[in-house]
């Protein structure tokens, strides 16, 4: 059995940490997620994503040109068998301030959601309300959630396939009441990086027995779809993600975003993307059919 060179292992660990710092730092800067003197409430679920988010935020805080606080918050939903001492023990070792909020949302979800139905919607709404209240109580100015790149794309596909909307997860969100700002520092981070980082850091992962036991969730289907696409066509997931950062409203069909009715010819025509914009941005050349080639020659 081949032995692992410890120097190479350290090199790879540092390399991955630098990638995560770069991607998270870029997202934070692009969307101005964290500002000077912010008090950031880091929502820690016990999963790989939120552990990595907290770890990298601590690294970024050390080198950031601004001052900001971090406080880790976990919502203990009273799931049966939940190892309640895992997170407090881990956070005490880190030396970071933390708050454990105990609320029996598990019983509520099990009572109101029929057996076999998806619990995620009800569970997330309950969590959101509790976390907003906790943010008020601890004086947090930002609420950081651990959603990564694939989470955003899965939500995009879910809304397209099942909701009939072109909508994903925003990197920065203001709550409906205007009192809270939610940020997603992992927005640019591929899930595979977080999986590797969790193994490297040996995070004490806590599984979610409430929703994780539901095998037929629509989100799982979207996750499988993205993985299959990426396997068959490497780079496709990154391309889809770029698409949500480069939206052209004039080439969609939403008249609330673009005034199609008042399009006209004239001196300002060039200010609106026209037919040339349809052909921009394709990475793979398209081989036209013979009939198309004949038409091109005729028109030329």
C-alpha atoms as a PDB file:
ATOM      1  CA  UNK A   1       0.000   0.000   0.000  1.00  0.00           C
ATOM      2  CA  UNK A   2       1.486   3.344  -1.081  1.00  0.00           C
ATOM      3  CA  UNK A   3       2.231   5.861   1.642  1.00  0.00           C
ATOM      4  CA  UNK A   4       1.082   9.458   1.366  1.00  0.00           C
ATOM      5  CA  UNK A   5       3.805  12.089   1.400  1.00  0.00           C
ATOM      6  CA  UNK A   6       2.826  14.386   4.341  1.00  0.00           C
ATOM      7  CA  UNK A   7       4.416  17.383   2.605  1.00  0.00           C
ATOM      8  CA  UNK A   8       2.252  16.820  -0.465  1.00  0.00           C
ATOM      9  CA  UNK A   9      -0.839  16.442   1.737  1.00  0.00           C
ATOM     10  CA  UNK A  10      -0.127  19.775   3.439  1.00  0.00           C
ATOM     11  CA  UNK A  11       0.482  21.412   0.057  1.00  0.00           C
ATOM     12  CA  UNK A  12      -2.853  20.163  -1.312  1.00  0.00           C
ATOM     13  CA  UNK A  13      -4.665  21.257   1.849  1.00  0.00           C
ATOM     14  CA  UNK A  14      -3.241  24.762   1.641  1.00  0.00           C
ATOM     15  CA  UNK A  15      -3.976  24.924  -2.078  1.00  0.00           C
ATOM     16  CA  UNK A  16      -7.635  24.071  -1.541  1.00  0.00           C
ATOM     17  CA  UNK A  17      -7.955  26.544   1.341  1.00  0.00           C
ATOM     18  CA  UNK A  18      -6.541  29.272  -0.897  1.00  0.00           C
ATOM     19  CA  UNK A  19      -9.080  28.431  -3.610  1.00  0.00           C
ATOM     20  CA  UNK A  20     -11.930  28.682  -1.126  1.00  0.00           C
ATOM     21  CA  UNK A  21     -10.598  31.957   0.256  1.00  0.00           C
ATOM     22  CA  UNK A  22     -10.314  33.381  -3.253  1.00  0.00           C
ATOM     23  CA  UNK A  23     -13.811  32.329  -4.335  1.00  0.00           C
ATOM     24  CA  UNK A  24     -15.488  33.416  -1.105  1.00  0.00           C
ATOM     25  CA  UNK A  25     -13.540  36.654  -1.015  1.00  0.00           C
ATOM     26  CA  UNK A  26     -14.552  37.403  -4.601  1.00  0.00           C
ATOM     27  CA  UNK A  27     -18.244  36.784  -3.884  1.00  0.00           C
ATOM     28  CA  UNK A  28     -18.123  38.930  -0.746  1.00  0.00           C
ATOM     29  CA  UNK A  29     -16.486  41.759  -2.691  1.00  0.00           C
ATOM     30  CA  UNK A  30     -18.690  41.477  -5.798  1.00  0.00           C
ATOM     31  CA  UNK A  31     -21.908  41.795  -3.797  1.00  0.00           C
ATOM     32  CA  UNK A  32     -20.560  43.806  -0.845  1.00  0.00           C
ATOM     33  CA  UNK A  33     -21.765  41.112   1.526  1.00  0.00           C
ATOM     34  CA  UNK A  34     -19.722  42.214   4.540  1.00  0.00           C
ATOM     35  CA  UNK A  35     -18.936  45.794   5.524  1.00  0.00           C
ATOM     36  CA  UNK A  36     -16.839  47.450   8.191  1.00  0.00           C
ATOM     37  CA  UNK A  37     -18.091  46.836  11.743  1.00  0.00           C
ATOM     38  CA  UNK A  38     -20.595  44.193  10.648  1.00  0.00           C
ATOM     39  CA  UNK A  39     -21.666  41.538  13.135  1.00  0.00           C
ATOM     40  CA  UNK A  40     -22.135  38.428  11.017  1.00  0.00           C
ATOM     41  CA  UNK A  41     -24.355  35.635  12.287  1.00  0.00           C
ATOM     42  CA  UNK A  42     -22.952  32.449  10.743  1.00  0.00           C
ATOM     43  CA  UNK A  43     -25.710  29.846  10.575  1.00  0.00           C
ATOM     44  CA  UNK A  44     -24.122  26.532  11.438  1.00  0.00           C
ATOM     45  CA  UNK A  45     -26.162  23.419  10.672  1.00  0.00           C
ATOM     46  CA  UNK A  46     -23.495  20.819  11.302  1.00  0.00           C
ATOM     47  CA  UNK A  47     -23.124  20.038   7.592  1.00  0.00           C
ATOM     48  CA  UNK A  48     -19.975  20.319   5.489  1.00  0.00           C
ATOM     49  CA  UNK A  49     -21.024  23.596   3.845  1.00  0.00           C
ATOM     50  CA  UNK A  50     -21.632  25.654   6.969  1.00  0.00           C
ATOM     51  CA  UNK A  51     -18.494  24.283   8.657  1.00  0.00           C
ATOM     52  CA  UNK A  52     -16.403  25.326   5.660  1.00  0.00           C
ATOM     53  CA  UNK A  53     -18.113  28.731   5.495  1.00  0.00           C
ATOM     54  CA  UNK A  54     -17.281  29.466   9.129  1.00  0.00           C
ATOM     55  CA  UNK A  55     -13.705  28.225   8.744  1.00  0.00           C
ATOM     56  CA  UNK A  56     -12.983  30.333   5.651  1.00  0.00           C
ATOM     57  CA  UNK A  57     -14.722  33.407   7.082  1.00  0.00           C
ATOM     58  CA  UNK A  58     -12.387  33.172  10.068  1.00  0.00           C
ATOM     59  CA  UNK A  59      -9.400  33.026   7.707  1.00  0.00           C
ATOM     60  CA  UNK A  60     -10.671  35.984   5.664  1.00  0.00           C
ATOM     61  CA  UNK A  61     -11.292  38.036   8.801  1.00  0.00           C
ATOM     62  CA  UNK A  62      -7.606  37.775   9.722  1.00  0.00           C
ATOM     63  CA  UNK A  63      -6.482  39.414   6.469  1.00  0.00           C
ATOM     64  CA  UNK A  64      -9.464  41.652   5.654  1.00  0.00           C
ATOM     65  CA  UNK A  65      -8.912  45.437   5.441  1.00  0.00           C
ATOM     66  CA  UNK A  66     -12.097  45.925   7.470  1.00  0.00           C
ATOM     67  CA  UNK A  67     -13.198  44.892  10.963  1.00  0.00           C
ATOM     68  CA  UNK A  68     -16.130  42.532  11.447  1.00  0.00           C
ATOM     69  CA  UNK A  69     -17.354  40.086  14.075  1.00  0.00           C
ATOM     70  CA  UNK A  70     -18.452  36.492  13.675  1.00  0.00           C
ATOM     71  CA  UNK A  71     -20.911  34.671  15.893  1.00  0.00           C
ATOM     72  CA  UNK A  72     -21.922  31.096  15.104  1.00  0.00           C
ATOM     73  CA  UNK A  73     -25.576  30.198  15.596  1.00  0.00           C
ATOM     74  CA  UNK A  74     -27.096  26.733  15.509  1.00  0.00           C
ATOM     75  CA  UNK A  75     -30.790  25.904  15.630  1.00  0.00           C
ATOM     76  CA  UNK A  76     -31.334  22.719  17.627  1.00  0.00           C
ATOM     77  CA  UNK A  77     -34.628  21.509  16.128  1.00  0.00           C
ATOM     78  CA  UNK A  78     -34.937  18.646  18.629  1.00  0.00           C
ATOM     79  CA  UNK A  79     -34.594  15.915  16.073  1.00  0.00           C
ATOM     80  CA  UNK A  80     -34.459  12.467  17.679  1.00  0.00           C
ATOM     81  CA  UNK A  81     -30.875  11.433  18.337  1.00  0.00           C
ATOM     82  CA  UNK A  82     -29.418  14.867  17.566  1.00  0.00           C
ATOM     83  CA  UNK A  83     -25.892  14.963  19.116  1.00  0.00           C
ATOM     84  CA  UNK A  84     -26.354  18.256  20.938  1.00  0.00           C
ATOM     85  CA  UNK A  85     -22.821  18.456  22.343  1.00  0.00           C
ATOM     86  CA  UNK A  86     -20.976  18.144  19.035  1.00  0.00           C
ATOM     87  CA  UNK A  87     -21.257  21.774  17.939  1.00  0.00           C
ATOM     88  CA  UNK A  88     -20.671  23.424  21.346  1.00  0.00           C
ATOM     89  CA  UNK A  89     -17.560  21.292  21.830  1.00  0.00           C
ATOM     90  CA  UNK A  90     -16.261  22.135  18.354  1.00  0.00           C
ATOM     91  CA  UNK A  91     -16.965  25.872  18.680  1.00  0.00           C
ATOM     92  CA  UNK A  92     -15.347  26.117  22.105  1.00  0.00           C
ATOM     93  CA  UNK A  93     -12.177  24.641  20.613  1.00  0.00           C
ATOM     94  CA  UNK A  94     -12.278  27.276  17.879  1.00  0.00           C
ATOM     95  CA  UNK A  95     -12.707  29.991  20.498  1.00  0.00           C
ATOM     96  CA  UNK A  96     -15.500  31.685  18.585  1.00  0.00           C
ATOM     97  CA  UNK A  97     -18.646  33.147  20.204  1.00  0.00           C
ATOM     98  CA  UNK A  98     -21.709  31.012  19.578  1.00  0.00           C
ATOM     99  CA  UNK A  99     -25.370  30.657  20.431  1.00  0.00           C
ATOM    100  CA  UNK A 100     -27.448  27.465  20.385  1.00  0.00           C
ATOM    101  CA  UNK A 101     -31.148  28.157  19.874  1.00  0.00           C
ATOM    102  CA  UNK A 102     -33.391  25.308  21.006  1.00  0.00           C
ATOM    103  CA  UNK A 103     -36.763  25.127  19.247  1.00  0.00           C
ATOM    104  CA  UNK A 104     -38.798  21.953  18.684  1.00  0.00           C
ATOM    105  CA  UNK A 105     -39.596  22.541  15.020  1.00  0.00           C
ATOM    106  CA  UNK A 106     -39.248  18.806  14.379  1.00  0.00           C
ATOM    107  CA  UNK A 107     -42.526  18.024  16.149  1.00  0.00           C
ATOM    108  CA  UNK A 108     -44.300  20.851  14.325  1.00  0.00           C
ATOM    109  CA  UNK A 109     -43.120  19.647  10.915  1.00  0.00           C
ATOM    110  CA  UNK A 110     -44.061  16.041  11.641  1.00  0.00           C
ATOM    111  CA  UNK A 111     -47.497  17.155  12.820  1.00  0.00           C
ATOM    112  CA  UNK A 112     -48.432  19.385   9.882  1.00  0.00           C
ATOM    113  CA  UNK A 113     -46.765  17.550   6.971  1.00  0.00           C
ATOM    114  CA  UNK A 114     -48.400  14.286   5.826  1.00  0.00           C
ATOM    115  CA  UNK A 115     -46.232  11.174   6.013  1.00  0.00           C
ATOM    116  CA  UNK A 116     -44.075  10.762   2.921  1.00  0.00           C
ATOM    117  CA  UNK A 117     -44.446  14.379   1.781  1.00  0.00           C
ATOM    118  CA  UNK A 118     -41.535  16.787   1.503  1.00  0.00           C
ATOM    119  CA  UNK A 119     -40.817  18.576   4.769  1.00  0.00           C
ATOM    120  CA  UNK A 120     -38.270  21.079   3.411  1.00  0.00           C
ATOM    121  CA  UNK A 121     -40.709  23.920   2.690  1.00  0.00           C
ATOM    122  CA  UNK A 122     -42.317  24.020   6.131  1.00  0.00           C
ATOM    123  CA  UNK A 123     -39.016  23.379   7.879  1.00  0.00           C
ATOM    124  CA  UNK A 124     -37.210  26.196   6.057  1.00  0.00           C
ATOM    125  CA  UNK A 125     -39.976  28.726   6.789  1.00  0.00           C
ATOM    126  CA  UNK A 126     -39.901  27.867  10.481  1.00  0.00           C
ATOM    127  CA  UNK A 127     -36.108  28.105  10.569  1.00  0.00           C
ATOM    128  CA  UNK A 128     -36.118  31.429   8.749  1.00  0.00           C
ATOM    129  CA  UNK A 129     -38.473  33.061  11.254  1.00  0.00           C
ATOM    130  CA  UNK A 130     -36.478  31.784  14.222  1.00  0.00           C
ATOM    131  CA  UNK A 131     -33.134  32.858  12.754  1.00  0.00           C
ATOM    132  CA  UNK A 132     -34.452  36.361  12.049  1.00  0.00           C
ATOM    133  CA  UNK A 133     -35.561  36.651  15.663  1.00  0.00           C
ATOM    134  CA  UNK A 134     -32.205  35.407  16.941  1.00  0.00           C
ATOM    135  CA  UNK A 135     -30.413  37.890  14.670  1.00  0.00           C
ATOM    136  CA  UNK A 136     -32.366  40.693  16.336  1.00  0.00           C
ATOM    137  CA  UNK A 137     -31.565  39.388  19.805  1.00  0.00           C
ATOM    138  CA  UNK A 138     -27.806  39.141  19.248  1.00  0.00           C
ATOM    139  CA  UNK A 139     -27.542  42.355  17.218  1.00  0.00           C
ATOM    140  CA  UNK A 140     -26.430  40.722  13.970  1.00  0.00           C
ATOM    141  CA  UNK A 141     -26.234  42.992  10.925  1.00  0.00           C
ATOM    142  CA  UNK A 142     -25.804  40.136   8.418  1.00  0.00           C
ATOM    143  CA  UNK A 143     -27.043  36.526   8.369  1.00  0.00           C
ATOM    144  CA  UNK A 144     -24.686  34.158   6.518  1.00  0.00           C
ATOM    145  CA  UNK A 145     -26.100  30.958   5.002  1.00  0.00           C
ATOM    146  CA  UNK A 146     -24.011  28.104   3.592  1.00  0.00           C
ATOM    147  CA  UNK A 147     -25.555  27.667   0.141  1.00  0.00           C
ATOM    148  CA  UNK A 148     -22.974  26.882  -2.549  1.00  0.00           C
ATOM    149  CA  UNK A 149     -22.932  27.096  -6.349  1.00  0.00           C
ATOM    150  CA  UNK A 150     -24.838  23.876  -6.957  1.00  0.00           C
ATOM    151  CA  UNK A 151     -27.516  24.840  -4.419  1.00  0.00           C
ATOM    152  CA  UNK A 152     -28.132  27.972  -6.460  1.00  0.00           C
ATOM    153  CA  UNK A 153     -28.350  26.053  -9.747  1.00  0.00           C
ATOM    154  CA  UNK A 154     -30.588  23.348  -8.285  1.00  0.00           C
ATOM    155  CA  UNK A 155     -32.964  26.094  -7.160  1.00  0.00           C
ATOM    156  CA  UNK A 156     -32.851  27.616 -10.640  1.00  0.00           C
ATOM    157  CA  UNK A 157     -33.826  24.293 -12.227  1.00  0.00           C
ATOM    158  CA  UNK A 158     -36.517  23.609  -9.633  1.00  0.00           C
ATOM    159  CA  UNK A 159     -38.136  26.974 -10.339  1.00  0.00           C
ATOM    160  CA  UNK A 160     -37.909  26.442 -14.094  1.00  0.00           C
ATOM    161  CA  UNK A 161     -39.196  22.870 -14.159  1.00  0.00           C
ATOM    162  CA  UNK A 162     -41.803  23.019 -11.408  1.00  0.00           C
ATOM    163  CA  UNK A 163     -42.544  26.692 -10.732  1.00  0.00           C
ATOM    164  CA  UNK A 164     -42.456  28.211 -14.200  1.00  0.00           C
ATOM    165  CA  UNK A 165     -40.119  30.985 -13.044  1.00  0.00           C
ATOM    166  CA  UNK A 166     -36.596  32.029 -13.940  1.00  0.00           C
ATOM    167  CA  UNK A 167     -35.408  32.415 -10.352  1.00  0.00           C
ATOM    168  CA  UNK A 168     -32.533  31.106  -8.238  1.00  0.00           C
ATOM    169  CA  UNK A 169     -30.989  31.985  -4.847  1.00  0.00           C
ATOM    170  CA  UNK A 170     -29.638  35.539  -4.642  1.00  0.00           C
ATOM    171  CA  UNK A 171     -26.173  36.029  -3.141  1.00  0.00           C
ATOM    172  CA  UNK A 172     -27.570  38.855  -1.026  1.00  0.00           C
ATOM    173  CA  UNK A 173     -31.166  39.273   0.082  1.00  0.00           C
ATOM    174  CA  UNK A 174     -33.158  41.769   2.117  1.00  0.00           C
ATOM    175  CA  UNK A 175     -35.928  40.235   4.192  1.00  0.00           C
ATOM    176  CA  UNK A 176     -39.516  41.197   3.386  1.00  0.00           C
ATOM    177  CA  UNK A 177     -39.754  43.392   6.480  1.00  0.00           C
ATOM    178  CA  UNK A 178     -36.543  45.184   5.516  1.00  0.00           C
ATOM    179  CA  UNK A 179     -34.843  44.424   8.833  1.00  0.00           C
ATOM    180  CA  UNK A 180     -32.343  41.740   7.827  1.00  0.00           C
ATOM    181  CA  UNK A 181     -29.706  41.127   5.165  1.00  0.00           C
ATOM    182  CA  UNK A 182     -29.043  37.501   4.249  1.00  0.00           C
ATOM    183  CA  UNK A 183     -25.755  36.681   2.502  1.00  0.00           C
ATOM    184  CA  UNK A 184     -24.424  33.542   0.809  1.00  0.00           C
ATOM    185  CA  UNK A 185     -20.604  33.765   0.840  1.00  0.00           C
ATOM    186  CA  UNK A 186     -20.263  30.317  -0.803  1.00  0.00           C
ATOM    187  CA  UNK A 187     -22.181  31.430  -3.903  1.00  0.00           C
ATOM    188  CA  UNK A 188     -19.165  30.951  -6.201  1.00  0.00           C
ATOM    189  CA  UNK A 189     -17.889  27.739  -4.574  1.00  0.00           C
ATOM    190  CA  UNK A 190     -18.401  24.350  -6.304  1.00  0.00           C
ATOM    191  CA  UNK A 191     -19.719  21.659  -3.988  1.00  0.00           C
ATOM    192  CA  UNK A 192     -16.851  19.304  -4.828  1.00  0.00           C
ATOM    193  CA  UNK A 193     -14.403  21.733  -3.198  1.00  0.00           C
ATOM    194  CA  UNK A 194     -16.449  21.690   0.005  1.00  0.00           C
ATOM    195  CA  UNK A 195     -16.585  17.898   0.014  1.00  0.00           C
ATOM    196  CA  UNK A 196     -12.798  17.698  -0.248  1.00  0.00           C
ATOM    197  CA  UNK A 197     -12.276  20.404   2.350  1.00  0.00           C
ATOM    198  CA  UNK A 198     -14.586  18.691   4.834  1.00  0.00           C
ATOM    199  CA  UNK A 199     -12.545  15.501   4.510  1.00  0.00           C
ATOM    200  CA  UNK A 200      -9.272  17.378   4.914  1.00  0.00           C
ATOM    201  CA  UNK A 201     -10.453  19.262   8.002  1.00  0.00           C
ATOM    202  CA  UNK A 202     -12.286  16.267   9.480  1.00  0.00           C
ATOM    203  CA  UNK A 203     -15.331  18.340  10.407  1.00  0.00           C
ATOM    204  CA  UNK A 204     -17.693  16.625  12.892  1.00  0.00           C
ATOM    205  CA  UNK A 205     -20.544  16.297  10.385  1.00  0.00           C
ATOM    206  CA  UNK A 206     -24.080  16.013  11.771  1.00  0.00           C
ATOM    207  CA  UNK A 207     -26.563  14.455   9.296  1.00  0.00           C
ATOM    208  CA  UNK A 208     -30.040  15.921   8.889  1.00  0.00           C
ATOM    209  CA  UNK A 209     -32.378  13.047   9.718  1.00  0.00           C
ATOM    210  CA  UNK A 210     -35.467  15.175   9.207  1.00  0.00           C
ATOM    211  CA  UNK A 211     -35.175  15.862   5.490  1.00  0.00           C
ATOM    212  CA  UNK A 212     -32.173  13.798   4.482  1.00  0.00           C
ATOM    213  CA  UNK A 213     -34.139  10.574   4.845  1.00  0.00           C
ATOM    214  CA  UNK A 214     -36.506  11.549   2.023  1.00  0.00           C
ATOM    215  CA  UNK A 215     -35.007   9.904  -1.027  1.00  0.00           C
ATOM    216  CA  UNK A 216     -37.344  11.220  -3.719  1.00  0.00           C
ATOM    217  CA  UNK A 217     -37.049  14.951  -3.223  1.00  0.00           C
ATOM    218  CA  UNK A 218     -37.209  17.005  -6.402  1.00  0.00           C
ATOM    219  CA  UNK A 219     -33.980  18.745  -5.346  1.00  0.00           C
ATOM    220  CA  UNK A 220     -32.163  15.415  -5.337  1.00  0.00           C
ATOM    221  CA  UNK A 221     -33.312  14.884  -8.901  1.00  0.00           C
ATOM    222  CA  UNK A 222     -31.889  18.286  -9.892  1.00  0.00           C
ATOM    223  CA  UNK A 223     -28.611  17.475  -8.138  1.00  0.00           C
ATOM    224  CA  UNK A 224     -28.371  14.190 -10.049  1.00  0.00           C
ATOM    225  CA  UNK A 225     -29.164  15.985 -13.306  1.00  0.00           C
ATOM    226  CA  UNK A 226     -26.360  18.513 -12.803  1.00  0.00           C
ATOM    227  CA  UNK A 227     -23.882  15.773 -11.903  1.00  0.00           C
ATOM    228  CA  UNK A 228     -24.821  13.784 -14.979  1.00  0.00           C
ATOM    229  CA  UNK A 229     -24.440  16.819 -17.237  1.00  0.00           C
ATOM    230  CA  UNK A 230     -21.049  17.619 -15.732  1.00  0.00           C
ATOM    231  CA  UNK A 231     -19.911  14.017 -16.162  1.00  0.00           C
ATOM    232  CA  UNK A 232     -20.910  13.940 -19.821  1.00  0.00           C
ATOM    233  CA  UNK A 233     -19.843  17.500 -20.615  1.00  0.00           C
ATOM    234  CA  UNK A 234     -17.203  18.836 -18.180  1.00  0.00           C
ATOM    235  CA  UNK A 235     -17.615  22.563 -17.642  1.00  0.00           C
ATOM    236  CA  UNK A 236     -21.353  22.634 -18.292  1.00  0.00           C
ATOM    237  CA  UNK A 237     -22.255  23.453 -14.674  1.00  0.00           C
ATOM    238  CA  UNK A 238     -19.847  26.386 -14.673  1.00  0.00           C
ATOM    239  CA  UNK A 239     -21.381  27.572 -17.956  1.00  0.00           C
ATOM    240  CA  UNK A 240     -24.912  27.425 -16.535  1.00  0.00           C
ATOM    241  CA  UNK A 241     -23.738  29.348 -13.492  1.00  0.00           C
ATOM    242  CA  UNK A 242     -22.203  32.050 -15.688  1.00  0.00           C
ATOM    243  CA  UNK A 243     -25.587  32.349 -17.385  1.00  0.00           C
ATOM    244  CA  UNK A 244     -27.274  33.565 -14.202  1.00  0.00           C
ATOM    245  CA  UNK A 245     -24.610  36.273 -13.894  1.00  0.00           C
ATOM    246  CA  UNK A 246     -25.058  37.514 -17.491  1.00  0.00           C
ATOM    247  CA  UNK A 247     -28.770  38.063 -18.001  1.00  0.00           C
ATOM    248  CA  UNK A 248     -30.003  39.848 -21.131  1.00  0.00           C
ATOM    249  CA  UNK A 249     -33.608  40.962 -20.400  1.00  0.00           C
ATOM    250  CA  UNK A 250     -34.160  42.082 -24.002  1.00  0.00           C
ATOM    251  CA  UNK A 251     -33.721  38.487 -25.141  1.00  0.00           C
ATOM    252  CA  UNK A 252     -36.182  36.915 -22.761  1.00  0.00           C
ATOM    253  CA  UNK A 253     -39.969  37.297 -22.720  1.00  0.00           C
ATOM    254  CA  UNK A 254     -40.726  39.261 -19.572  1.00  0.00           C
ATOM    255  CA  UNK A 255     -42.293  42.587 -20.540  1.00  0.00           C
ATOM    256  CA  UNK A 256     -41.981  43.773 -16.928  1.00  0.00           C
ATOM    257  CA  UNK A 257     -38.200  43.710 -17.305  1.00  0.00           C
ATOM    258  CA  UNK A 258     -37.972  45.054 -20.832  1.00  0.00           C
ATOM    259  CA  UNK A 259     -40.239  47.429 -22.739  1.00  0.00           C
ATOM    260  CA  UNK A 260     -40.854  45.386 -25.891  1.00  0.00           C
ATOM    261  CA  UNK A 261     -43.933  47.412 -26.885  1.00  0.00           C
ATOM    262  CA  UNK A 262     -41.985  50.619 -27.401  1.00  0.00           C
ATOM    263  CA  UNK A 263     -39.062  49.232 -29.389  1.00  0.00           C
ATOM    264  CA  UNK A 264     -38.544  51.365 -32.484  1.00  0.00           C
ATOM    265  CA  UNK A 265     -35.933  52.231 -35.067  1.00  0.00           C
ATOM    266  CA  UNK A 266     -33.947  55.384 -34.688  1.00  0.00           C
ATOM    267  CA  UNK A 267     -30.762  56.932 -33.385  1.00  0.00           C
ATOM    268  CA  UNK A 268     -30.879  55.021 -30.075  1.00  0.00           C
ATOM    269  CA  UNK A 269     -31.408  51.606 -31.679  1.00  0.00           C
ATOM    270  CA  UNK A 270     -27.808  50.536 -31.025  1.00  0.00           C
ATOM    271  CA  UNK A 271     -28.278  51.011 -27.277  1.00  0.00           C
ATOM    272  CA  UNK A 272     -30.582  47.963 -27.207  1.00  0.00           C
ATOM    273  CA  UNK A 273     -28.969  44.543 -27.887  1.00  0.00           C
ATOM    274  CA  UNK A 274     -30.237  43.440 -31.277  1.00  0.00           C
ATOM    275  CA  UNK A 275     -30.041  40.326 -33.420  1.00  0.00           C
ATOM    276  CA  UNK A 276     -26.265  40.059 -33.098  1.00  0.00           C
ATOM    277  CA  UNK A 277     -26.662  39.439 -29.365  1.00  0.00           C
ATOM    278  CA  UNK A 278     -28.466  36.182 -30.168  1.00  0.00           C
ATOM    279  CA  UNK A 279     -25.261  34.724 -31.620  1.00  0.00           C
ATOM    280  CA  UNK A 280     -22.870  35.935 -28.908  1.00  0.00           C
ATOM    281  CA  UNK A 281     -21.407  33.796 -26.183  1.00  0.00           C
ATOM    282  CA  UNK A 282     -21.454  30.289 -27.631  1.00  0.00           C
ATOM    283  CA  UNK A 283     -18.298  28.336 -26.843  1.00  0.00           C
ATOM    284  CA  UNK A 284     -18.922  25.467 -29.243  1.00  0.00           C
ATOM    285  CA  UNK A 285     -19.207  26.176 -32.995  1.00  0.00           C
ATOM    286  CA  UNK A 286     -22.505  25.128 -34.535  1.00  0.00           C
ATOM    287  CA  UNK A 287     -22.389  23.177 -37.800  1.00  0.00           C
ATOM    288  CA  UNK A 288     -25.384  24.392 -39.848  1.00  0.00           C
ATOM    289  CA  UNK A 289     -27.446  21.987 -41.889  1.00  0.00           C
ATOM    290  CA  UNK A 290     -26.993  21.925 -45.673  1.00  0.00           C
ATOM    291  CA  UNK A 291     -30.253  23.847 -46.183  1.00  0.00           C
ATOM    292  CA  UNK A 292     -29.016  26.586 -43.852  1.00  0.00           C
ATOM    293  CA  UNK A 293     -25.710  26.832 -45.717  1.00  0.00           C
ATOM    294  CA  UNK A 294     -27.570  27.203 -49.028  1.00  0.00           C
ATOM    295  CA  UNK A 295     -29.725  29.994 -47.548  1.00  0.00           C
ATOM    296  CA  UNK A 296     -26.642  31.803 -46.258  1.00  0.00           C
ATOM    297  CA  UNK A 297     -25.066  31.706 -49.717  1.00  0.00           C
ATOM    298  CA  UNK A 298     -28.258  32.994 -51.347  1.00  0.00           C
ATOM    299  CA  UNK A 299     -28.566  35.871 -48.861  1.00  0.00           C
ATOM    300  CA  UNK A 300     -24.902  36.733 -49.228  1.00  0.00           C
END
